[in-house]
Structure formats: C-alpha cells, structure tokens
Amino acid sequence: MASTGIGTTIDEPRPERLLLSVAEAAELLGVSRAFAYELVLAGELPSVKLGRLRKVRRGELEAYVAALGGDG
C-alpha cells in the first residue's frame, strides 16, 4: 500500500458518496443531464438544494429506479 501523504493509502476503498450532482445521477441512469433536470423539476426524482447546488440522494436515485418496474 502506497501512502498518498494525506493520511490515506491508494489501496483503501473510498466510501460511496451519499449525495450526487444531477449530472452524476444522469450518468448513472444513462440519460442526458437535461432529462435528469426535467425529472428533478417535475418532482419525479427527489432532490435537495445545498446553497446553489442541486443534489440527488443516492438512496432516492435507487428508489426511483426500483419504482420504474418493467414493461413486460
């Protein structure tokens, strides 16, 4: 394990972030950033506002996908 000099090592896994940007959520969903913002503005994909930033909770994103179901 090599040290990065800031108290962590390269081989240590980084914890998953709880909040994602709308662009990151879009990437995980496989949709455009614009469409992800449409989902947020329509209230279909819940989000939180931190100052000027709009964030999507990882759990809300997973719940959104789970609720989509299937077409057949």
PDB file of N, CA and C in Angstrom:
ATOM      1  N   MET A   1       0.838  -1.188   0.000  1.00  0.00           N
ATOM      2  CA  MET A   1       0.000   0.000   0.000  1.00  0.00           C
ATOM      3  C   MET A   1       0.878   1.244   0.000  1.00  0.00           C
ATOM      4  N   ALA A   2       0.676   2.081  -0.955  1.00  0.00           N
ATOM      5  CA  ALA A   2       1.445   3.314  -1.051  1.00  0.00           C
ATOM      6  C   ALA A   2       0.683   4.444  -0.390  1.00  0.00           C
ATOM      7  N   SER A   3       1.405   5.276   0.341  1.00  0.00           N
ATOM      8  CA  SER A   3       0.763   6.397   1.022  1.00  0.00           C
ATOM      9  C   SER A   3       0.621   7.568   0.064  1.00  0.00           C
ATOM     10  N   THR A   4      -0.500   8.263   0.177  1.00  0.00           N
ATOM     11  CA  THR A   4      -0.718   9.461  -0.638  1.00  0.00           C
ATOM     12  C   THR A   4      -0.194  10.697   0.066  1.00  0.00           C
ATOM     13  N   GLY A   5       0.225  10.539   1.302  1.00  0.00           N
ATOM     14  CA  GLY A   5       0.759  11.672   2.045  1.00  0.00           C
ATOM     15  C   GLY A   5      -0.307  12.491   2.756  1.00  0.00           C
ATOM     16  N   ILE A   6      -1.556  12.079   2.665  1.00  0.00           N
ATOM     17  CA  ILE A   6      -2.627  12.828   3.330  1.00  0.00           C
ATOM     18  C   ILE A   6      -3.427  11.944   4.273  1.00  0.00           C
ATOM     19  N   GLY A   7      -2.787  10.906   4.777  1.00  0.00           N
ATOM     20  CA  GLY A   7      -3.450  10.079   5.767  1.00  0.00           C
ATOM     21  C   GLY A   7      -4.217   8.901   5.212  1.00  0.00           C
ATOM     22  N   THR A   8      -4.186   8.699   3.910  1.00  0.00           N
ATOM     23  CA  THR A   8      -4.854   7.545   3.315  1.00  0.00           C
ATOM     24  C   THR A   8      -3.857   6.823   2.423  1.00  0.00           C
ATOM     25  N   THR A   9      -4.203   5.624   2.069  1.00  0.00           N
ATOM     26  CA  THR A   9      -3.376   4.880   1.132  1.00  0.00           C
ATOM     27  C   THR A   9      -4.148   4.665  -0.145  1.00  0.00           C
ATOM     28  N   ILE A  10      -3.428   4.398  -1.205  1.00  0.00           N
ATOM     29  CA  ILE A  10      -4.052   4.243  -2.515  1.00  0.00           C
ATOM     30  C   ILE A  10      -4.996   3.051  -2.545  1.00  0.00           C
ATOM     31  N   ASP A  11      -4.662   1.978  -1.807  1.00  0.00           N
ATOM     32  CA  ASP A  11      -5.459   0.761  -1.855  1.00  0.00           C
ATOM     33  C   ASP A  11      -6.726   0.817  -1.004  1.00  0.00           C
ATOM     34  N   GLU A  12      -6.901   1.860  -0.202  1.00  0.00           N
ATOM     35  CA  GLU A  12      -8.098   1.952   0.633  1.00  0.00           C
ATOM     36  C   GLU A  12      -9.292   2.348  -0.230  1.00  0.00           C
ATOM     37  N   PRO A  13     -10.397   1.601  -0.120  1.00  0.00           N
ATOM     38  CA  PRO A  13     -11.578   1.972  -0.900  1.00  0.00           C
ATOM     39  C   PRO A  13     -12.191   3.264  -0.366  1.00  0.00           C
ATOM     40  N   ARG A  14     -12.700   4.077  -1.272  1.00  0.00           N
ATOM     41  CA  ARG A  14     -13.364   5.313  -0.872  1.00  0.00           C
ATOM     42  C   ARG A  14     -14.839   5.008  -0.639  1.00  0.00           C
ATOM     43  N   PRO A  15     -15.417   5.546   0.406  1.00  0.00           N
ATOM     44  CA  PRO A  15     -16.849   5.295   0.640  1.00  0.00           C
ATOM     45  C   PRO A  15     -17.693   5.961  -0.452  1.00  0.00           C
ATOM     46  N   GLU A  16     -18.832   5.342  -0.752  1.00  0.00           N
ATOM     47  CA  GLU A  16     -19.728   5.934  -1.746  1.00  0.00           C
ATOM     48  C   GLU A  16     -20.310   7.220  -1.184  1.00  0.00           C
ATOM     49  N   ARG A  17     -20.358   8.229  -2.024  1.00  0.00           N
ATOM     50  CA  ARG A  17     -20.949   9.494  -1.583  1.00  0.00           C
ATOM     51  C   ARG A  17     -22.457   9.345  -1.483  1.00  0.00           C
ATOM     52  N   LEU A  18     -23.042  10.015  -0.519  1.00  0.00           N
ATOM     53  CA  LEU A  18     -24.481   9.950  -0.300  1.00  0.00           C
ATOM     54  C   LEU A  18     -25.243  10.886  -1.220  1.00  0.00           C
ATOM     55  N   LEU A  19     -24.608  11.976  -1.623  1.00  0.00           N
ATOM     56  CA  LEU A  19     -25.239  12.959  -2.496  1.00  0.00           C
ATOM     57  C   LEU A  19     -24.511  13.012  -3.829  1.00  0.00           C
ATOM     58  N   LEU A  20     -25.288  13.025  -4.899  1.00  0.00           N
ATOM     59  CA  LEU A  20     -24.744  13.086  -6.256  1.00  0.00           C
ATOM     60  C   LEU A  20     -25.224  14.361  -6.934  1.00  0.00           C
ATOM     61  N   SER A  21     -24.412  14.887  -7.823  1.00  0.00           N
ATOM     62  CA  SER A  21     -24.889  16.003  -8.639  1.00  0.00           C
ATOM     63  C   SER A  21     -25.931  15.450  -9.607  1.00  0.00           C
ATOM     64  N   VAL A  22     -26.733  16.324 -10.173  1.00  0.00           N
ATOM     65  CA  VAL A  22     -27.738  15.878 -11.140  1.00  0.00           C
ATOM     66  C   VAL A  22     -27.041  15.257 -12.350  1.00  0.00           C
ATOM     67  N   ALA A  23     -25.903  15.804 -12.743  1.00  0.00           N
ATOM     68  CA  ALA A  23     -25.141  15.246 -13.867  1.00  0.00           C
ATOM     69  C   ALA A  23     -24.647  13.832 -13.547  1.00  0.00           C
ATOM     70  N   GLU A  24     -24.182  13.612 -12.316  1.00  0.00           N
ATOM     71  CA  GLU A  24     -23.737  12.275 -11.910  1.00  0.00           C
ATOM     72  C   GLU A  24     -24.916  11.307 -11.879  1.00  0.00           C
ATOM     73  N   ALA A  25     -26.056  11.767 -11.384  1.00  0.00           N
ATOM     74  CA  ALA A  25     -27.252  10.927 -11.371  1.00  0.00           C
ATOM     75  C   ALA A  25     -27.656  10.572 -12.803  1.00  0.00           C
ATOM     76  N   ALA A  26     -27.577  11.546 -13.700  1.00  0.00           N
ATOM     77  CA  ALA A  26     -27.906  11.309 -15.110  1.00  0.00           C
ATOM     78  C   ALA A  26     -26.994  10.239 -15.698  1.00  0.00           C
ATOM     79  N   GLU A  27     -25.712  10.340 -15.395  1.00  0.00           N
ATOM     80  CA  GLU A  27     -24.747   9.365 -15.909  1.00  0.00           C
ATOM     81  C   GLU A  27     -25.071   7.966 -15.404  1.00  0.00           C
ATOM     82  N   LEU A  28     -25.404   7.841 -14.132  1.00  0.00           N
ATOM     83  CA  LEU A  28     -25.744   6.534 -13.568  1.00  0.00           C
ATOM     84  C   LEU A  28     -27.033   5.978 -14.166  1.00  0.00           C
ATOM     85  N   LEU A  29     -27.973   6.867 -14.502  1.00  0.00           N
ATOM     86  CA  LEU A  29     -29.230   6.444 -15.114  1.00  0.00           C
ATOM     87  C   LEU A  29     -29.078   6.165 -16.607  1.00  0.00           C
ATOM     88  N   GLY A  30     -28.032   6.697 -17.209  1.00  0.00           N
ATOM     89  CA  GLY A  30     -27.843   6.535 -18.654  1.00  0.00           C
ATOM     90  C   GLY A  30     -28.720   7.468 -19.466  1.00  0.00           C
ATOM     91  N   VAL A  31     -29.018   8.638 -18.887  1.00  0.00           N
ATOM     92  CA  VAL A  31     -29.837   9.634 -19.586  1.00  0.00           C
ATOM     93  C   VAL A  31     -29.042  10.939 -19.668  1.00  0.00           C
ATOM     94  N   SER A  32     -29.564  11.880 -20.427  1.00  0.00           N
ATOM     95  CA  SER A  32     -28.878  13.165 -20.557  1.00  0.00           C
ATOM     96  C   SER A  32     -29.039  13.985 -19.279  1.00  0.00           C
ATOM     97  N   ARG A  33     -28.137  14.915 -19.103  1.00  0.00           N
ATOM     98  CA  ARG A  33     -28.196  15.835 -17.962  1.00  0.00           C
ATOM     99  C   ARG A  33     -29.504  16.637 -18.006  1.00  0.00           C
ATOM    100  N   ALA A  34     -29.885  17.051 -19.204  1.00  0.00           N
ATOM    101  CA  ALA A  34     -31.113  17.836 -19.365  1.00  0.00           C
ATOM    102  C   ALA A  34     -32.336  17.030 -18.935  1.00  0.00           C
ATOM    103  N   PHE A  35     -32.384  15.760 -19.323  1.00  0.00           N
ATOM    104  CA  PHE A  35     -33.520  14.920 -18.944  1.00  0.00           C
ATOM    105  C   PHE A  35     -33.546  14.690 -17.440  1.00  0.00           C
ATOM    106  N   ALA A  36     -32.384  14.511 -16.839  1.00  0.00           N
ATOM    107  CA  ALA A  36     -32.317  14.338 -15.385  1.00  0.00           C
ATOM    108  C   ALA A  36     -32.849  15.581 -14.687  1.00  0.00           C
ATOM    109  N   TYR A  37     -32.506  16.775 -15.191  1.00  0.00           N
ATOM    110  CA  TYR A  37     -33.042  18.001 -14.603  1.00  0.00           C
ATOM    111  C   TYR A  37     -34.557  18.082 -14.797  1.00  0.00           C
ATOM    112  N   GLU A  38     -35.065  17.595 -15.922  1.00  0.00           N
ATOM    113  CA  GLU A  38     -36.518  17.558 -16.129  1.00  0.00           C
ATOM    114  C   GLU A  38     -37.187  16.681 -15.070  1.00  0.00           C
ATOM    115  N   LEU A  39     -36.578  15.526 -14.791  1.00  0.00           N
ATOM    116  CA  LEU A  39     -37.115  14.631 -13.766  1.00  0.00           C
ATOM    117  C   LEU A  39     -37.131  15.309 -12.399  1.00  0.00           C
ATOM    118  N   VAL A  40     -36.048  16.033 -12.091  1.00  0.00           N
ATOM    119  CA  VAL A  40     -35.954  16.745 -10.813  1.00  0.00           C
ATOM    120  C   VAL A  40     -37.010  17.844 -10.738  1.00  0.00           C
ATOM    121  N   LEU A  41     -37.113  18.658 -11.779  1.00  0.00           N
ATOM    122  CA  LEU A  41     -38.065  19.775 -11.767  1.00  0.00           C
ATOM    123  C   LEU A  41     -39.517  19.309 -11.745  1.00  0.00           C
ATOM    124  N   ALA A  42     -39.776  18.129 -12.325  1.00  0.00           N
ATOM    125  CA  ALA A  42     -41.130  17.580 -12.316  1.00  0.00           C
ATOM    126  C   ALA A  42     -41.447  16.895 -10.987  1.00  0.00           C
ATOM    127  N   GLY A  43     -40.449  16.737 -10.133  1.00  0.00           N
ATOM    128  CA  GLY A  43     -40.658  16.082  -8.850  1.00  0.00           C
ATOM    129  C   GLY A  43     -40.611  14.570  -8.918  1.00  0.00           C
ATOM    130  N   GLU A  44     -40.287  14.030 -10.087  1.00  0.00           N
ATOM    131  CA  GLU A  44     -40.210  12.574 -10.231  1.00  0.00           C
ATOM    132  C   GLU A  44     -38.959  12.013  -9.568  1.00  0.00           C
ATOM    133  N   LEU A  45     -37.886  12.785  -9.586  1.00  0.00           N
ATOM    134  CA  LEU A  45     -36.635  12.395  -8.947  1.00  0.00           C
ATOM    135  C   LEU A  45     -36.363  13.408  -7.843  1.00  0.00           C
ATOM    136  N   PRO A  46     -36.591  13.018  -6.589  1.00  0.00           N
ATOM    137  CA  PRO A  46     -36.410  13.964  -5.479  1.00  0.00           C
ATOM    138  C   PRO A  46     -34.970  14.459  -5.391  1.00  0.00           C
ATOM    139  N   SER A  47     -34.833  15.717  -4.977  1.00  0.00           N
ATOM    140  CA  SER A  47     -33.506  16.299  -4.827  1.00  0.00           C
ATOM    141  C   SER A  47     -33.496  17.253  -3.642  1.00  0.00           C
ATOM    142  N   VAL A  48     -32.308  17.644  -3.258  1.00  0.00           N
ATOM    143  CA  VAL A  48     -32.133  18.618  -2.178  1.00  0.00           C
ATOM    144  C   VAL A  48     -31.284  19.759  -2.711  1.00  0.00           C
ATOM    145  N   LYS A  49     -31.438  20.920  -2.112  1.00  0.00           N
ATOM    146  CA  LYS A  49     -30.665  22.079  -2.518  1.00  0.00           C
ATOM    147  C   LYS A  49     -29.688  22.423  -1.402  1.00  0.00           C
ATOM    148  N   LEU A  50     -28.423  22.523  -1.740  1.00  0.00           N
ATOM    149  CA  LEU A  50     -27.367  22.916  -0.818  1.00  0.00           C
ATOM    150  C   LEU A  50     -26.773  24.212  -1.342  1.00  0.00           C
ATOM    151  N   GLY A  51     -27.232  25.320  -0.806  1.00  0.00           N
ATOM    152  CA  GLY A  51     -26.798  26.608  -1.360  1.00  0.00           C
ATOM    153  C   GLY A  51     -27.306  26.720  -2.784  1.00  0.00           C
ATOM    154  N   ARG A  52     -26.376  26.870  -3.719  1.00  0.00           N
ATOM    155  CA  ARG A  52     -26.752  26.951  -5.136  1.00  0.00           C
ATOM    156  C   ARG A  52     -26.741  25.598  -5.820  1.00  0.00           C
ATOM    157  N   LEU A  53     -26.311  24.573  -5.114  1.00  0.00           N
ATOM    158  CA  LEU A  53     -26.171  23.249  -5.721  1.00  0.00           C
ATOM    159  C   LEU A  53     -27.437  22.422  -5.554  1.00  0.00           C
ATOM    160  N   ARG A  54     -27.779  21.676  -6.575  1.00  0.00           N
ATOM    161  CA  ARG A  54     -28.896  20.736  -6.534  1.00  0.00           C
ATOM    162  C   ARG A  54     -28.284  19.340  -6.483  1.00  0.00           C
ATOM    163  N   LYS A  55     -28.656  18.541  -5.477  1.00  0.00           N
ATOM    164  CA  LYS A  55     -28.086  17.206  -5.290  1.00  0.00           C
ATOM    165  C   LYS A  55     -29.194  16.167  -5.226  1.00  0.00           C
ATOM    166  N   VAL A  56     -28.852  14.950  -5.611  1.00  0.00           N
ATOM    167  CA  VAL A  56     -29.771  13.817  -5.564  1.00  0.00           C
ATOM    168  C   VAL A  56     -29.199  12.816  -4.561  1.00  0.00           C
ATOM    169  N   ARG A  57     -30.025  12.418  -3.599  1.00  0.00           N
ATOM    170  CA  ARG A  57     -29.585  11.405  -2.638  1.00  0.00           C
ATOM    171  C   ARG A  57     -29.451  10.075  -3.358  1.00  0.00           C
ATOM    172  N   ARG A  58     -28.360   9.370  -3.081  1.00  0.00           N
ATOM    173  CA  ARG A  58     -28.125   8.073  -3.726  1.00  0.00           C
ATOM    174  C   ARG A  58     -29.308   7.130  -3.491  1.00  0.00           C
ATOM    175  N   GLY A  59     -29.826   7.112  -2.272  1.00  0.00           N
ATOM    176  CA  GLY A  59     -30.957   6.241  -1.954  1.00  0.00           C
ATOM    177  C   GLY A  59     -32.211   6.599  -2.741  1.00  0.00           C
ATOM    178  N   GLU A  60     -32.432   7.894  -2.965  1.00  0.00           N
ATOM    179  CA  GLU A  60     -33.598   8.332  -3.753  1.00  0.00           C
ATOM    180  C   GLU A  60     -33.443   7.899  -5.210  1.00  0.00           C
ATOM    181  N   LEU A  61     -32.218   7.956  -5.711  1.00  0.00           N
ATOM    182  CA  LEU A  61     -31.963   7.524  -7.087  1.00  0.00           C
ATOM    183  C   LEU A  61     -32.246   6.033  -7.228  1.00  0.00           C
ATOM    184  N   GLU A  62     -31.783   5.253  -6.254  1.00  0.00           N
ATOM    185  CA  GLU A  62     -32.023   3.815  -6.280  1.00  0.00           C
ATOM    186  C   GLU A  62     -33.515   3.506  -6.153  1.00  0.00           C
ATOM    187  N   ALA A  63     -34.226   4.259  -5.308  1.00  0.00           N
ATOM    188  CA  ALA A  63     -35.674   4.065  -5.151  1.00  0.00           C
ATOM    189  C   ALA A  63     -36.410   4.412  -6.439  1.00  0.00           C
ATOM    190  N   TYR A  64     -35.959   5.466  -7.118  1.00  0.00           N
ATOM    191  CA  TYR A  64     -36.569   5.867  -8.391  1.00  0.00           C
ATOM    192  C   TYR A  64     -36.454   4.733  -9.408  1.00  0.00           C
ATOM    193  N   VAL A  65     -35.264   4.154  -9.506  1.00  0.00           N
ATOM    194  CA  VAL A  65     -35.036   3.070 -10.462  1.00  0.00           C
ATOM    195  C   VAL A  65     -35.878   1.846 -10.086  1.00  0.00           C
ATOM    196  N   ALA A  66     -35.951   1.531  -8.801  1.00  0.00           N
ATOM    197  CA  ALA A  66     -36.732   0.381  -8.348  1.00  0.00           C
ATOM    198  C   ALA A  66     -38.213   0.550  -8.670  1.00  0.00           C
ATOM    199  N   ALA A  67     -38.688   1.792  -8.587  1.00  0.00           N
ATOM    200  CA  ALA A  67     -40.107   2.066  -8.834  1.00  0.00           C
ATOM    201  C   ALA A  67     -40.465   2.055 -10.320  1.00  0.00           C
ATOM    202  N   LEU A  68     -39.473   2.088 -11.185  1.00  0.00           N
ATOM    203  CA  LEU A  68     -39.756   2.107 -12.628  1.00  0.00           C
ATOM    204  C   LEU A  68     -40.429   0.821 -13.078  1.00  0.00           C
ATOM    205  N   GLY A  69     -40.074  -0.284 -12.459  1.00  0.00           N
ATOM    206  CA  GLY A  69     -40.684  -1.557 -12.841  1.00  0.00           C
ATOM    207  C   GLY A  69     -40.219  -1.969 -14.219  1.00  0.00           C
ATOM    208  N   GLY A  70     -41.019  -2.751 -14.867  1.00  0.00           N
ATOM    209  CA  GLY A  70     -40.687  -3.234 -16.207  1.00  0.00           C
ATOM    210  C   GLY A  70     -41.877  -3.136 -17.131  1.00  0.00           C
ATOM    211  N   ASP A  71     -41.614  -3.224 -18.417  1.00  0.00           N
ATOM    212  CA  ASP A  71     -42.678  -3.121 -19.417  1.00  0.00           C
ATOM    213  C   ASP A  71     -43.145  -4.488 -19.905  1.00  0.00           C
ATOM    214  N   GLY A  72     -42.801  -5.510 -19.197  1.00  0.00           N
ATOM    215  CA  GLY A  72     -43.334  -6.754 -19.680  1.00  0.00           C
ATOM    216  C   GLY A  72     -42.541  -7.912 -19.331  1.00  0.00           C
TER     217      GLY A  72
END
